Amino acid sequence: MNFKPAAAVRLRTGSSLFGWQWLPAVWLWLRAKSGLGRGCVRICLGFAALCPGARISAADILVLQSHDSAPYRQTVQGFSVALAQRGLHASIETRTVGDETAAAINERLRAEAPQLLLALGTPAARATMAAGQTTPVVAGLLLDSDELRGKPRLTGVGLDFPPALQWRWLRRLLPEVRHIAVIYDPHRGLPTFEALQQLARADGIELVPAPAAAPEDLPRLLKELPAQLDALWAVDGVAAFNAVAVRELLLYSFRNRTPLIGLSEQWVKAGAIYALDWDYADLGAQAAELAWNILANGAAPSSLPPQTPRKVRVVYNGRTLEHMKLSLPERWLPEISEVAP
């Protein structure tokens, strides 16, 4: 694991008849003077427990992330800010999971002994669960929300946008389309396609199924698509998309003047017409709400249902619109953002 320095978050606390509001200041002072770190949190919690009127909350939180990149940093920042707004004193350390084995991660977790784990990204979440510790886990930035189900000590926030939300934005931005090829992962994306199919039938629109389980499937899939399509829509199937596969989709889109609806802002920068992207800071805030319920209210992770993103960023490529000789309805422009290639 690659270590990133601990970040102590200074947060507000409640007061009491016995003046225990000075404990956070003592904690921070001890950390600065003695380097005791996590032990200081437990010392303060122990003193606070002696006073029934104390309302101080503190926690040791370890963040295990799959990558050290901007979306992960934004998520951790949103998590920290949301805890601060709830008045929680948190000692947060961030580590990036590399090629560590489950046993190595298990040993590190024993040494850290956090009160809660925030696992960001599918590799980090899987490694955390394989470690077999009893520490409660809040997961985030998971491409497949099914990873959150059926695990007693795990809850979290997935990246899946509900099919109804995806359909709503398609109808808003491309109201004239009638024949759409939908690319999805046949192993995990079939429920999404079926939900979209039901919505499409109600609106009199044809969705052409285009299941792709691997990048090798795409060349054949593109050859077999109907000649007359109004749009190509990637709603799922991350396993099928590498850099070469995305380039093939974009070439098909531009050669046939068939707009491609992408999976993220990066797709839009590369030439997709629009995509639903994530507000990473708010994803962190959602994870913080789950963490708060576990730490402050004693909730079991299994009692907190996994969540979908509550905010969406809709981004579009103006140059692609010009190439496709399309325009977006003006009424929705204030709610979406143009990105530059």
C-alpha atoms as a PDB file:
ATOM      1  CA  MET A   1       0.000   0.000   0.000  1.00  0.00           C
ATOM      2  CA  ASN A   2       1.117   3.537  -0.672  1.00  0.00           C
ATOM      3  CA  PHE A   3       0.805   5.655   2.423  1.00  0.00           C
ATOM      4  CA  LYS A   4      -0.686   9.112   2.353  1.00  0.00           C
ATOM      5  CA  PRO A   5      -0.307  11.321   5.429  1.00  0.00           C
ATOM      6  CA  ALA A   6      -3.028  11.325   8.030  1.00  0.00           C
ATOM      7  CA  ALA A   7      -5.440  14.217   7.988  1.00  0.00           C
ATOM      8  CA  ALA A   8      -6.884  15.299  11.323  1.00  0.00           C
ATOM      9  CA  VAL A   9     -10.177  17.069  10.763  1.00  0.00           C
ATOM     10  CA  ARG A  10     -10.991  19.841  13.234  1.00  0.00           C
ATOM     11  CA  LEU A  11     -14.708  19.826  13.841  1.00  0.00           C
ATOM     12  CA  ARG A  12     -17.187  21.463  16.177  1.00  0.00           C
ATOM     13  CA  THR A  13     -18.453  19.662  19.292  1.00  0.00           C
ATOM     14  CA  GLY A  14     -21.278  20.033  21.736  1.00  0.00           C
ATOM     15  CA  SER A  15     -20.960  21.449  25.227  1.00  0.00           C
ATOM     16  CA  SER A  16     -21.861  19.950  28.591  1.00  0.00           C
ATOM     17  CA  LEU A  17     -22.274  20.954  32.205  1.00  0.00           C
ATOM     18  CA  PHE A  18     -18.784  19.693  32.958  1.00  0.00           C
ATOM     19  CA  GLY A  19     -17.010  21.547  30.174  1.00  0.00           C
ATOM     20  CA  TRP A  20     -15.947  18.511  28.179  1.00  0.00           C
ATOM     21  CA  GLN A  21     -15.898  20.646  25.025  1.00  0.00           C
ATOM     22  CA  TRP A  22     -12.183  21.174  25.594  1.00  0.00           C
ATOM     23  CA  LEU A  23     -11.381  17.511  24.869  1.00  0.00           C
ATOM     24  CA  PRO A  24     -10.979  17.978  21.090  1.00  0.00           C
ATOM     25  CA  ALA A  25      -8.429  20.714  21.694  1.00  0.00           C
ATOM     26  CA  VAL A  26      -6.560  18.404  24.096  1.00  0.00           C
ATOM     27  CA  TRP A  27      -6.623  15.654  21.486  1.00  0.00           C
ATOM     28  CA  LEU A  28      -5.141  17.890  18.795  1.00  0.00           C
ATOM     29  CA  TRP A  29      -2.555  19.278  21.225  1.00  0.00           C
ATOM     30  CA  LEU A  30      -1.493  15.785  22.291  1.00  0.00           C
ATOM     31  CA  ARG A  31      -1.142  14.724  18.684  1.00  0.00           C
ATOM     32  CA  ALA A  32       1.078  17.716  17.949  1.00  0.00           C
ATOM     33  CA  LYS A  33       3.209  17.333  21.081  1.00  0.00           C
ATOM     34  CA  SER A  34       3.495  13.593  21.556  1.00  0.00           C
ATOM     35  CA  GLY A  35       2.735  11.976  18.218  1.00  0.00           C
ATOM     36  CA  LEU A  36       0.354   9.582  19.959  1.00  0.00           C
ATOM     37  CA  GLY A  37      -2.018   9.813  17.002  1.00  0.00           C
ATOM     38  CA  ARG A  38      -4.896   7.356  17.196  1.00  0.00           C
ATOM     39  CA  GLY A  39      -4.374   6.628  20.872  1.00  0.00           C
ATOM     40  CA  CYS A  40      -5.347  10.215  21.667  1.00  0.00           C
ATOM     41  CA  VAL A  41      -8.763   9.686  20.160  1.00  0.00           C
ATOM     42  CA  ARG A  42      -9.389   6.715  22.436  1.00  0.00           C
ATOM     43  CA  ILE A  43      -8.091   8.641  25.466  1.00  0.00           C
ATOM     44  CA  CYS A  44     -10.530  11.470  24.775  1.00  0.00           C
ATOM     45  CA  LEU A  45     -13.360   9.056  24.189  1.00  0.00           C
ATOM     46  CA  GLY A  46     -12.557   7.335  27.471  1.00  0.00           C
ATOM     47  CA  PHE A  47     -12.670  10.602  29.407  1.00  0.00           C
ATOM     48  CA  ALA A  48     -15.839  11.674  27.641  1.00  0.00           C
ATOM     49  CA  ALA A  49     -17.510   8.398  28.566  1.00  0.00           C
ATOM     50  CA  LEU A  50     -17.078   9.305  32.234  1.00  0.00           C
ATOM     51  CA  CYS A  51     -19.360  12.268  31.726  1.00  0.00           C
ATOM     52  CA  PRO A  52     -22.959  11.428  30.796  1.00  0.00           C
ATOM     53  CA  GLY A  53     -23.565  14.946  29.520  1.00  0.00           C
ATOM     54  CA  ALA A  54     -20.737  14.917  26.981  1.00  0.00           C
ATOM     55  CA  ARG A  55     -21.763  15.069  23.323  1.00  0.00           C
ATOM     56  CA  ILE A  56     -18.333  14.716  21.771  1.00  0.00           C
ATOM     57  CA  SER A  57     -18.007  12.298  18.864  1.00  0.00           C
ATOM     58  CA  ALA A  58     -14.659  11.059  17.590  1.00  0.00           C
ATOM     59  CA  ALA A  59     -13.574   8.257  15.320  1.00  0.00           C
ATOM     60  CA  ASP A  60     -10.570   6.633  13.697  1.00  0.00           C
ATOM     61  CA  ILE A  61     -11.365   6.165  10.004  1.00  0.00           C
ATOM     62  CA  LEU A  62      -9.150   4.409   7.496  1.00  0.00           C
ATOM     63  CA  VAL A  63      -9.702   5.093   3.794  1.00  0.00           C
ATOM     64  CA  LEU A  64      -8.614   2.338   1.416  1.00  0.00           C
ATOM     65  CA  GLN A  65      -8.764   3.545  -2.185  1.00  0.00           C
ATOM     66  CA  SER A  66      -8.153   1.724  -5.454  1.00  0.00           C
ATOM     67  CA  HIS A  67      -6.412   4.701  -7.087  1.00  0.00           C
ATOM     68  CA  ASP A  68      -4.956   8.043  -6.128  1.00  0.00           C
ATOM     69  CA  SER A  69      -6.712  10.288  -8.648  1.00  0.00           C
ATOM     70  CA  ALA A  70      -8.927  13.365  -8.680  1.00  0.00           C
ATOM     71  CA  PRO A  71     -12.297  11.544  -8.332  1.00  0.00           C
ATOM     72  CA  TYR A  72     -11.016   9.660  -5.286  1.00  0.00           C
ATOM     73  CA  ARG A  73      -9.590  12.785  -3.684  1.00  0.00           C
ATOM     74  CA  GLN A  74     -12.842  14.670  -4.297  1.00  0.00           C
ATOM     75  CA  THR A  75     -14.809  11.829  -2.726  1.00  0.00           C
ATOM     76  CA  VAL A  76     -12.626  11.770   0.387  1.00  0.00           C
ATOM     77  CA  GLN A  77     -12.872  15.561   0.671  1.00  0.00           C
ATOM     78  CA  GLY A  78     -16.664  15.414   0.428  1.00  0.00           C
ATOM     79  CA  PHE A  79     -16.676  12.670   3.062  1.00  0.00           C
ATOM     80  CA  SER A  80     -14.533  14.747   5.448  1.00  0.00           C
ATOM     81  CA  VAL A  81     -16.573  17.923   4.980  1.00  0.00           C
ATOM     82  CA  ALA A  82     -19.861  16.121   5.567  1.00  0.00           C
ATOM     83  CA  LEU A  83     -18.568  14.593   8.809  1.00  0.00           C
ATOM     84  CA  ALA A  84     -17.409  18.033   9.910  1.00  0.00           C
ATOM     85  CA  GLN A  85     -20.872  19.433   9.305  1.00  0.00           C
ATOM     86  CA  ARG A  86     -22.280  16.748  11.588  1.00  0.00           C
ATOM     87  CA  GLY A  87     -19.822  17.617  14.344  1.00  0.00           C
ATOM     88  CA  LEU A  88     -17.752  14.451  14.223  1.00  0.00           C
ATOM     89  CA  HIS A  89     -14.086  14.525  15.235  1.00  0.00           C
ATOM     90  CA  ALA A  90     -12.340  12.204  12.814  1.00  0.00           C
ATOM     91  CA  SER A  91      -8.767  11.059  12.421  1.00  0.00           C
ATOM     92  CA  ILE A  92      -8.661  10.042   8.758  1.00  0.00           C
ATOM     93  CA  GLU A  93      -5.824   8.176   7.074  1.00  0.00           C
ATOM     94  CA  THR A  94      -5.781   7.322   3.377  1.00  0.00           C
ATOM     95  CA  ARG A  95      -3.976   4.377   1.830  1.00  0.00           C
ATOM     96  CA  THR A  96      -3.910   3.286  -1.795  1.00  0.00           C
ATOM     97  CA  VAL A  97      -4.334  -0.422  -2.400  1.00  0.00           C
ATOM     98  CA  GLY A  98      -1.727  -1.832  -4.763  1.00  0.00           C
ATOM     99  CA  ASP A  99      -1.055  -5.505  -5.336  1.00  0.00           C
ATOM    100  CA  GLU A 100      -1.373  -6.353  -1.651  1.00  0.00           C
ATOM    101  CA  THR A 101      -2.718  -9.796  -0.789  1.00  0.00           C
ATOM    102  CA  ALA A 102      -5.753 -10.195   1.448  1.00  0.00           C
ATOM    103  CA  ALA A 103      -3.447 -11.474   4.202  1.00  0.00           C
ATOM    104  CA  ALA A 104      -1.242  -8.371   3.986  1.00  0.00           C
ATOM    105  CA  ILE A 105      -4.267  -6.097   4.100  1.00  0.00           C
ATOM    106  CA  ASN A 106      -5.641  -8.075   7.039  1.00  0.00           C
ATOM    107  CA  GLU A 107      -2.391  -7.555   8.936  1.00  0.00           C
ATOM    108  CA  ARG A 108      -2.413  -3.831   8.204  1.00  0.00           C
ATOM    109  CA  LEU A 109      -5.993  -3.531   9.389  1.00  0.00           C
ATOM    110  CA  ARG A 110      -5.063  -5.216  12.663  1.00  0.00           C
ATOM    111  CA  ALA A 111      -2.247  -2.738  13.129  1.00  0.00           C
ATOM    112  CA  GLU A 112      -4.402   0.302  12.288  1.00  0.00           C
ATOM    113  CA  ALA A 113      -7.483  -0.903  14.225  1.00  0.00           C
ATOM    114  CA  PRO A 114      -9.823   1.731  12.721  1.00  0.00           C
ATOM    115  CA  GLN A 115     -13.388   2.120  13.927  1.00  0.00           C
ATOM    116  CA  LEU A 116     -14.635   2.323  10.342  1.00  0.00           C
ATOM    117  CA  LEU A 117     -13.302   1.639   6.868  1.00  0.00           C
ATOM    118  CA  LEU A 118     -14.136   3.703   3.813  1.00  0.00           C
ATOM    119  CA  ALA A 119     -13.337   1.523   0.791  1.00  0.00           C
ATOM    120  CA  LEU A 120     -13.307   3.423  -2.511  1.00  0.00           C
ATOM    121  CA  GLY A 121     -13.363   1.543  -5.795  1.00  0.00           C
ATOM    122  CA  THR A 122     -14.164  -2.072  -6.550  1.00  0.00           C
ATOM    123  CA  PRO A 123     -10.622  -3.456  -5.981  1.00  0.00           C
ATOM    124  CA  ALA A 124     -10.369  -1.779  -2.569  1.00  0.00           C
ATOM    125  CA  ALA A 125     -13.832  -2.963  -1.522  1.00  0.00           C
ATOM    126  CA  ARG A 126     -13.131  -6.540  -2.583  1.00  0.00           C
ATOM    127  CA  ALA A 127      -9.752  -6.560  -0.856  1.00  0.00           C
ATOM    128  CA  THR A 128     -11.298  -5.192   2.325  1.00  0.00           C
ATOM    129  CA  MET A 129     -14.024  -7.836   2.414  1.00  0.00           C
ATOM    130  CA  ALA A 130     -11.546 -10.627   1.633  1.00  0.00           C
ATOM    131  CA  ALA A 131      -9.432  -9.554   4.618  1.00  0.00           C
ATOM    132  CA  GLY A 132     -12.094 -10.962   6.943  1.00  0.00           C
ATOM    133  CA  GLN A 133     -11.991  -8.265   9.612  1.00  0.00           C
ATOM    134  CA  THR A 134     -15.055  -7.303  11.653  1.00  0.00           C
ATOM    135  CA  THR A 135     -14.635  -3.549  11.152  1.00  0.00           C
ATOM    136  CA  PRO A 136     -17.728  -1.962   9.568  1.00  0.00           C
ATOM    137  CA  VAL A 137     -17.190  -0.902   5.967  1.00  0.00           C
ATOM    138  CA  VAL A 138     -18.739   1.880   3.920  1.00  0.00           C
ATOM    139  CA  ALA A 139     -17.897   1.443   0.238  1.00  0.00           C
ATOM    140  CA  GLY A 140     -18.053   3.924  -2.600  1.00  0.00           C
ATOM    141  CA  LEU A 141     -17.218   4.370  -6.288  1.00  0.00           C
ATOM    142  CA  LEU A 142     -18.418   0.838  -7.080  1.00  0.00           C
ATOM    143  CA  LEU A 143     -19.376   0.194 -10.685  1.00  0.00           C
ATOM    144  CA  ASP A 144     -21.700  -2.635  -9.681  1.00  0.00           C
ATOM    145  CA  SER A 145     -24.025  -1.949  -6.746  1.00  0.00           C
ATOM    146  CA  ASP A 146     -24.633  -5.688  -6.393  1.00  0.00           C
ATOM    147  CA  GLU A 147     -21.211  -5.808  -4.725  1.00  0.00           C
ATOM    148  CA  LEU A 148     -22.869  -4.123  -1.727  1.00  0.00           C
ATOM    149  CA  ARG A 149     -25.577  -6.699  -1.176  1.00  0.00           C
ATOM    150  CA  GLY A 150     -25.617  -9.671   1.166  1.00  0.00           C
ATOM    151  CA  LYS A 151     -22.587  -8.688   3.259  1.00  0.00           C
ATOM    152  CA  PRO A 152     -23.350  -8.071   6.976  1.00  0.00           C
ATOM    153  CA  ARG A 153     -20.622  -5.514   7.668  1.00  0.00           C
ATOM    154  CA  LEU A 154     -20.858  -3.633   4.369  1.00  0.00           C
ATOM    155  CA  THR A 155     -22.987  -0.828   2.985  1.00  0.00           C
ATOM    156  CA  GLY A 156     -22.224   2.005   0.631  1.00  0.00           C
ATOM    157  CA  VAL A 157     -22.967   4.087  -2.437  1.00  0.00           C
ATOM    158  CA  GLY A 158     -22.762   2.639  -5.952  1.00  0.00           C
ATOM    159  CA  LEU A 159     -22.198   4.472  -9.223  1.00  0.00           C
ATOM    160  CA  ASP A 160     -25.265   3.091 -11.002  1.00  0.00           C
ATOM    161  CA  PHE A 161     -27.762   5.730 -12.072  1.00  0.00           C
ATOM    162  CA  PRO A 162     -31.359   4.471 -11.904  1.00  0.00           C
ATOM    163  CA  PRO A 163     -32.755   3.508 -15.335  1.00  0.00           C
ATOM    164  CA  ALA A 164     -35.611   6.015 -14.951  1.00  0.00           C
ATOM    165  CA  LEU A 165     -33.095   8.856 -14.526  1.00  0.00           C
ATOM    166  CA  GLN A 166     -31.094   7.751 -17.558  1.00  0.00           C
ATOM    167  CA  TRP A 167     -34.258   7.548 -19.633  1.00  0.00           C
ATOM    168  CA  ARG A 168     -35.492  10.933 -18.465  1.00  0.00           C
ATOM    169  CA  TRP A 169     -32.323  12.665 -19.639  1.00  0.00           C
ATOM    170  CA  LEU A 170     -32.329  10.835 -22.959  1.00  0.00           C
ATOM    171  CA  ARG A 171     -35.864  12.045 -23.655  1.00  0.00           C
ATOM    172  CA  ARG A 172     -34.976  15.569 -22.564  1.00  0.00           C
ATOM    173  CA  LEU A 173     -31.853  15.943 -24.679  1.00  0.00           C
ATOM    174  CA  LEU A 174     -32.666  13.802 -27.726  1.00  0.00           C
ATOM    175  CA  PRO A 175     -36.462  13.893 -27.949  1.00  0.00           C
ATOM    176  CA  GLU A 176     -36.549  13.019 -31.665  1.00  0.00           C
ATOM    177  CA  VAL A 177     -34.726   9.682 -31.524  1.00  0.00           C
ATOM    178  CA  ARG A 178     -36.840   6.591 -32.226  1.00  0.00           C
ATOM    179  CA  HIS A 179     -34.365   3.749 -32.871  1.00  0.00           C
ATOM    180  CA  ILE A 180     -31.544   3.301 -30.351  1.00  0.00           C
ATOM    181  CA  ALA A 181     -28.960   0.518 -30.034  1.00  0.00           C
ATOM    182  CA  VAL A 182     -28.223  -0.092 -26.356  1.00  0.00           C
ATOM    183  CA  ILE A 183     -24.857  -1.581 -25.338  1.00  0.00           C
ATOM    184  CA  TYR A 184     -24.905  -3.387 -21.998  1.00  0.00           C
ATOM    185  CA  ASP A 185     -23.113  -6.165 -20.129  1.00  0.00           C
ATOM    186  CA  PRO A 186     -25.178  -9.360 -20.543  1.00  0.00           C
ATOM    187  CA  HIS A 187     -23.907 -10.704 -17.222  1.00  0.00           C
ATOM    188  CA  ARG A 188     -24.919  -7.850 -14.953  1.00  0.00           C
ATOM    189  CA  GLY A 189     -26.632  -5.241 -17.122  1.00  0.00           C
ATOM    190  CA  LEU A 190     -29.689  -7.159 -18.298  1.00  0.00           C
ATOM    191  CA  PRO A 191     -31.993  -5.760 -15.534  1.00  0.00           C
ATOM    192  CA  THR A 192     -31.009  -2.225 -16.581  1.00  0.00           C
ATOM    193  CA  PHE A 193     -31.733  -2.942 -20.234  1.00  0.00           C
ATOM    194  CA  GLU A 194     -35.078  -4.553 -19.406  1.00  0.00           C
ATOM    195  CA  ALA A 195     -36.086  -1.535 -17.292  1.00  0.00           C
ATOM    196  CA  LEU A 196     -35.142   0.820 -20.139  1.00  0.00           C
ATOM    197  CA  GLN A 197     -36.982  -1.397 -22.602  1.00  0.00           C
ATOM    198  CA  GLN A 198     -40.155  -1.073 -20.577  1.00  0.00           C
ATOM    199  CA  LEU A 199     -39.850   2.714 -20.496  1.00  0.00           C
ATOM    200  CA  ALA A 200     -39.116   2.830 -24.223  1.00  0.00           C
ATOM    201  CA  ARG A 201     -42.177   0.776 -25.138  1.00  0.00           C
ATOM    202  CA  ALA A 202     -44.373   3.121 -23.135  1.00  0.00           C
ATOM    203  CA  ASP A 203     -43.010   6.013 -25.257  1.00  0.00           C
ATOM    204  CA  GLY A 204     -43.191   4.148 -28.563  1.00  0.00           C
ATOM    205  CA  ILE A 205     -39.411   3.936 -29.017  1.00  0.00           C
ATOM    206  CA  GLU A 206     -37.450   0.923 -30.233  1.00  0.00           C
ATOM    207  CA  LEU A 207     -34.392  -0.225 -28.298  1.00  0.00           C
ATOM    208  CA  VAL A 208     -32.097  -2.636 -30.127  1.00  0.00           C
ATOM    209  CA  PRO A 209     -30.266  -4.924 -27.660  1.00  0.00           C
ATOM    210  CA  ALA A 210     -26.486  -4.929 -28.139  1.00  0.00           C
ATOM    211  CA  PRO A 211     -24.990  -7.097 -25.382  1.00  0.00           C
ATOM    212  CA  ALA A 212     -21.188  -6.986 -25.112  1.00  0.00           C
ATOM    213  CA  ALA A 213     -19.308  -8.951 -22.476  1.00  0.00           C
ATOM    214  CA  ALA A 214     -15.772  -8.176 -23.685  1.00  0.00           C
ATOM    215  CA  PRO A 215     -13.966  -5.732 -25.991  1.00  0.00           C
ATOM    216  CA  GLU A 216     -13.615  -8.510 -28.570  1.00  0.00           C
ATOM    217  CA  ASP A 217     -17.412  -8.533 -28.954  1.00  0.00           C
ATOM    218  CA  LEU A 218     -17.666  -4.970 -30.227  1.00  0.00           C
ATOM    219  CA  PRO A 219     -16.409  -5.279 -33.834  1.00  0.00           C
ATOM    220  CA  ARG A 220     -18.927  -8.029 -34.564  1.00  0.00           C
ATOM    221  CA  LEU A 221     -21.647  -6.154 -32.686  1.00  0.00           C
ATOM    222  CA  LEU A 222     -21.109  -2.963 -34.690  1.00  0.00           C
ATOM    223  CA  LYS A 223     -21.262  -4.859 -37.990  1.00  0.00           C
ATOM    224  CA  GLU A 224     -24.578  -6.422 -37.011  1.00  0.00           C
ATOM    225  CA  LEU A 225     -26.300  -3.194 -35.985  1.00  0.00           C
ATOM    226  CA  PRO A 226     -29.257  -2.039 -38.126  1.00  0.00           C
ATOM    227  CA  ALA A 227     -28.398   0.436 -40.853  1.00  0.00           C
ATOM    228  CA  GLN A 228     -30.912   3.015 -39.628  1.00  0.00           C
ATOM    229  CA  LEU A 229     -30.155   4.059 -36.061  1.00  0.00           C
ATOM    230  CA  ASP A 230     -30.847   7.382 -34.386  1.00  0.00           C
ATOM    231  CA  ALA A 231     -28.385   6.838 -31.524  1.00  0.00           C
ATOM    232  CA  LEU A 232     -25.931   4.419 -29.958  1.00  0.00           C
ATOM    233  CA  TRP A 233     -26.233   4.241 -26.169  1.00  0.00           C
ATOM    234  CA  ALA A 234     -23.684   2.715 -23.769  1.00  0.00           C
ATOM    235  CA  VAL A 235     -25.565   2.212 -20.509  1.00  0.00           C
ATOM    236  CA  ASP A 236     -23.441  -0.516 -18.986  1.00  0.00           C
ATOM    237  CA  GLY A 237     -20.785  -3.033 -19.876  1.00  0.00           C
ATOM    238  CA  VAL A 238     -17.641  -1.538 -18.404  1.00  0.00           C
ATOM    239  CA  ALA A 239     -15.972  -4.926 -18.911  1.00  0.00           C
ATOM    240  CA  ALA A 240     -16.420  -4.466 -22.668  1.00  0.00           C
ATOM    241  CA  PHE A 241     -14.745  -1.075 -22.881  1.00  0.00           C
ATOM    242  CA  ASN A 242     -11.040  -0.440 -23.106  1.00  0.00           C
ATOM    243  CA  ALA A 243      -9.386   2.420 -24.946  1.00  0.00           C
ATOM    244  CA  VAL A 244      -9.450   0.576 -28.278  1.00  0.00           C
ATOM    245  CA  ALA A 245     -13.112  -0.381 -27.899  1.00  0.00           C
ATOM    246  CA  VAL A 246     -14.183   3.175 -27.081  1.00  0.00           C
ATOM    247  CA  ARG A 247     -12.263   4.442 -30.107  1.00  0.00           C
ATOM    248  CA  GLU A 248     -14.100   1.918 -32.307  1.00  0.00           C
ATOM    249  CA  LEU A 249     -17.449   3.137 -30.970  1.00  0.00           C
ATOM    250  CA  LEU A 250     -16.515   6.763 -31.633  1.00  0.00           C
ATOM    251  CA  LEU A 251     -15.363   5.960 -35.172  1.00  0.00           C
ATOM    252  CA  TYR A 252     -18.660   4.203 -35.853  1.00  0.00           C
ATOM    253  CA  SER A 253     -20.516   7.180 -34.407  1.00  0.00           C
ATOM    254  CA  PHE A 254     -18.744   9.786 -36.553  1.00  0.00           C
ATOM    255  CA  ARG A 255     -18.685   7.743 -39.758  1.00  0.00           C
ATOM    256  CA  ASN A 256     -22.414   7.073 -39.567  1.00  0.00           C
ATOM    257  CA  ARG A 257     -23.397  10.397 -37.973  1.00  0.00           C
ATOM    258  CA  THR A 258     -25.016   8.387 -35.201  1.00  0.00           C
ATOM    259  CA  PRO A 259     -24.627  10.146 -31.837  1.00  0.00           C
ATOM    260  CA  LEU A 260     -22.979   8.090 -29.125  1.00  0.00           C
ATOM    261  CA  ILE A 261     -24.278   8.522 -25.580  1.00  0.00           C
ATOM    262  CA  GLY A 262     -21.336   7.765 -23.311  1.00  0.00           C
ATOM    263  CA  LEU A 263     -20.673   6.540 -19.804  1.00  0.00           C
ATOM    264  CA  SER A 264     -18.738   9.467 -18.329  1.00  0.00           C
ATOM    265  CA  GLU A 265     -17.234  12.893 -18.885  1.00  0.00           C
ATOM    266  CA  GLN A 266     -14.121  11.268 -20.354  1.00  0.00           C
ATOM    267  CA  TRP A 267     -16.239   9.717 -23.095  1.00  0.00           C
ATOM    268  CA  VAL A 268     -17.775  13.102 -23.844  1.00  0.00           C
ATOM    269  CA  LYS A 269     -14.354  14.759 -24.077  1.00  0.00           C
ATOM    270  CA  ALA A 270     -13.403  12.051 -26.569  1.00  0.00           C
ATOM    271  CA  GLY A 271     -16.445  12.714 -28.761  1.00  0.00           C
ATOM    272  CA  ALA A 272     -19.605  11.235 -27.229  1.00  0.00           C
ATOM    273  CA  ILE A 273     -22.566  13.588 -27.502  1.00  0.00           C
ATOM    274  CA  TYR A 274     -23.458  13.563 -23.794  1.00  0.00           C
ATOM    275  CA  ALA A 275     -23.158  11.487 -20.631  1.00  0.00           C
ATOM    276  CA  LEU A 276     -24.343  11.371 -17.060  1.00  0.00           C
ATOM    277  CA  ASP A 277     -21.373  11.936 -14.791  1.00  0.00           C
ATOM    278  CA  TRP A 278     -20.928  11.990 -11.029  1.00  0.00           C
ATOM    279  CA  ASP A 279     -20.642  14.658  -8.367  1.00  0.00           C
ATOM    280  CA  TYR A 280     -17.804  12.996  -6.467  1.00  0.00           C
ATOM    281  CA  ALA A 281     -17.932  15.353  -3.499  1.00  0.00           C
ATOM    282  CA  ASP A 282     -21.597  14.494  -3.008  1.00  0.00           C
ATOM    283  CA  LEU A 283     -20.851  10.781  -3.315  1.00  0.00           C
ATOM    284  CA  GLY A 284     -18.447  11.315  -0.419  1.00  0.00           C
ATOM    285  CA  ALA A 285     -21.162  13.161   1.512  1.00  0.00           C
ATOM    286  CA  GLN A 286     -23.562  10.246   0.974  1.00  0.00           C
ATOM    287  CA  ALA A 287     -20.928   7.843   2.298  1.00  0.00           C
ATOM    288  CA  ALA A 288     -20.443  10.132   5.303  1.00  0.00           C
ATOM    289  CA  GLU A 289     -24.150   9.906   6.160  1.00  0.00           C
ATOM    290  CA  LEU A 290     -23.882   6.123   6.258  1.00  0.00           C
ATOM    291  CA  ALA A 291     -20.701   6.359   8.348  1.00  0.00           C
ATOM    292  CA  TRP A 292     -22.433   8.743  10.755  1.00  0.00           C
ATOM    293  CA  ASN A 293     -25.289   6.305  11.302  1.00  0.00           C
ATOM    294  CA  ILE A 294     -22.813   3.533  12.064  1.00  0.00           C
ATOM    295  CA  LEU A 295     -20.500   5.524  14.333  1.00  0.00           C
ATOM    296  CA  ALA A 296     -22.900   7.870  16.116  1.00  0.00           C
ATOM    297  CA  ASN A 297     -26.133   5.890  16.084  1.00  0.00           C
ATOM    298  CA  GLY A 298     -24.749   2.373  16.370  1.00  0.00           C
ATOM    299  CA  ALA A 299     -26.466   1.179  13.183  1.00  0.00           C
ATOM    300  CA  ALA A 300     -25.346  -2.103  11.675  1.00  0.00           C
ATOM    301  CA  PRO A 301     -24.118  -1.685   8.085  1.00  0.00           C
ATOM    302  CA  SER A 302     -26.553  -4.381   6.953  1.00  0.00           C
ATOM    303  CA  SER A 303     -29.442  -2.250   8.241  1.00  0.00           C
ATOM    304  CA  LEU A 304     -28.493   0.636   5.923  1.00  0.00           C
ATOM    305  CA  PRO A 305     -29.630  -0.058   2.334  1.00  0.00           C
ATOM    306  CA  PRO A 306     -27.068   0.589  -0.420  1.00  0.00           C
ATOM    307  CA  GLN A 307     -27.625   3.907  -2.166  1.00  0.00           C
ATOM    308  CA  THR A 308     -27.489   5.193  -5.730  1.00  0.00           C
ATOM    309  CA  PRO A 309     -26.056   8.646  -6.555  1.00  0.00           C
ATOM    310  CA  ARG A 310     -28.474  11.395  -5.545  1.00  0.00           C
ATOM    311  CA  LYS A 311     -26.866  14.006  -7.801  1.00  0.00           C
ATOM    312  CA  VAL A 312     -26.015  13.830 -11.484  1.00  0.00           C
ATOM    313  CA  ARG A 313     -23.798  15.978 -13.686  1.00  0.00           C
ATOM    314  CA  VAL A 314     -24.967  16.037 -17.291  1.00  0.00           C
ATOM    315  CA  VAL A 315     -22.160  16.962 -19.674  1.00  0.00           C
ATOM    316  CA  TYR A 316     -22.200  17.383 -23.467  1.00  0.00           C
ATOM    317  CA  ASN A 317     -19.801  18.001 -26.353  1.00  0.00           C
ATOM    318  CA  GLY A 318     -20.714  21.031 -28.470  1.00  0.00           C
ATOM    319  CA  ARG A 319     -18.383  20.080 -31.324  1.00  0.00           C
ATOM    320  CA  THR A 320     -19.998  16.680 -31.628  1.00  0.00           C
ATOM    321  CA  LEU A 321     -23.410  18.319 -31.762  1.00  0.00           C
ATOM    322  CA  GLU A 322     -22.217  20.496 -34.642  1.00  0.00           C
ATOM    323  CA  HIS A 323     -20.775  17.509 -36.502  1.00  0.00           C
ATOM    324  CA  MET A 324     -24.025  15.576 -36.056  1.00  0.00           C
ATOM    325  CA  LYS A 325     -26.022  18.685 -37.058  1.00  0.00           C
ATOM    326  CA  LEU A 326     -27.982  18.424 -33.837  1.00  0.00           C
ATOM    327  CA  SER A 327     -28.973  20.864 -31.124  1.00  0.00           C
ATOM    328  CA  LEU A 328     -30.142  20.396 -27.571  1.00  0.00           C
ATOM    329  CA  PRO A 329     -33.425  21.851 -26.300  1.00  0.00           C
ATOM    330  CA  GLU A 330     -32.654  25.270 -24.839  1.00  0.00           C
ATOM    331  CA  ARG A 331     -34.793  24.717 -21.754  1.00  0.00           C
ATOM    332  CA  TRP A 332     -32.309  22.145 -20.427  1.00  0.00           C
ATOM    333  CA  LEU A 333     -29.090  24.041 -21.151  1.00  0.00           C
ATOM    334  CA  PRO A 334     -28.990  25.762 -17.726  1.00  0.00           C
ATOM    335  CA  GLU A 335     -28.933  22.332 -16.059  1.00  0.00           C
ATOM    336  CA  ILE A 336     -26.092  20.805 -18.071  1.00  0.00           C
ATOM    337  CA  SER A 337     -22.458  21.636 -18.771  1.00  0.00           C
ATOM    338  CA  GLU A 338     -20.396  21.712 -21.935  1.00  0.00           C
ATOM    339  CA  VAL A 339     -16.960  20.100 -21.735  1.00  0.00           C
ATOM    340  CA  ALA A 340     -14.028  20.838 -23.989  1.00  0.00           C
ATOM    341  CA  PRO A 341     -12.260  17.975 -25.807  1.00  0.00           C
END
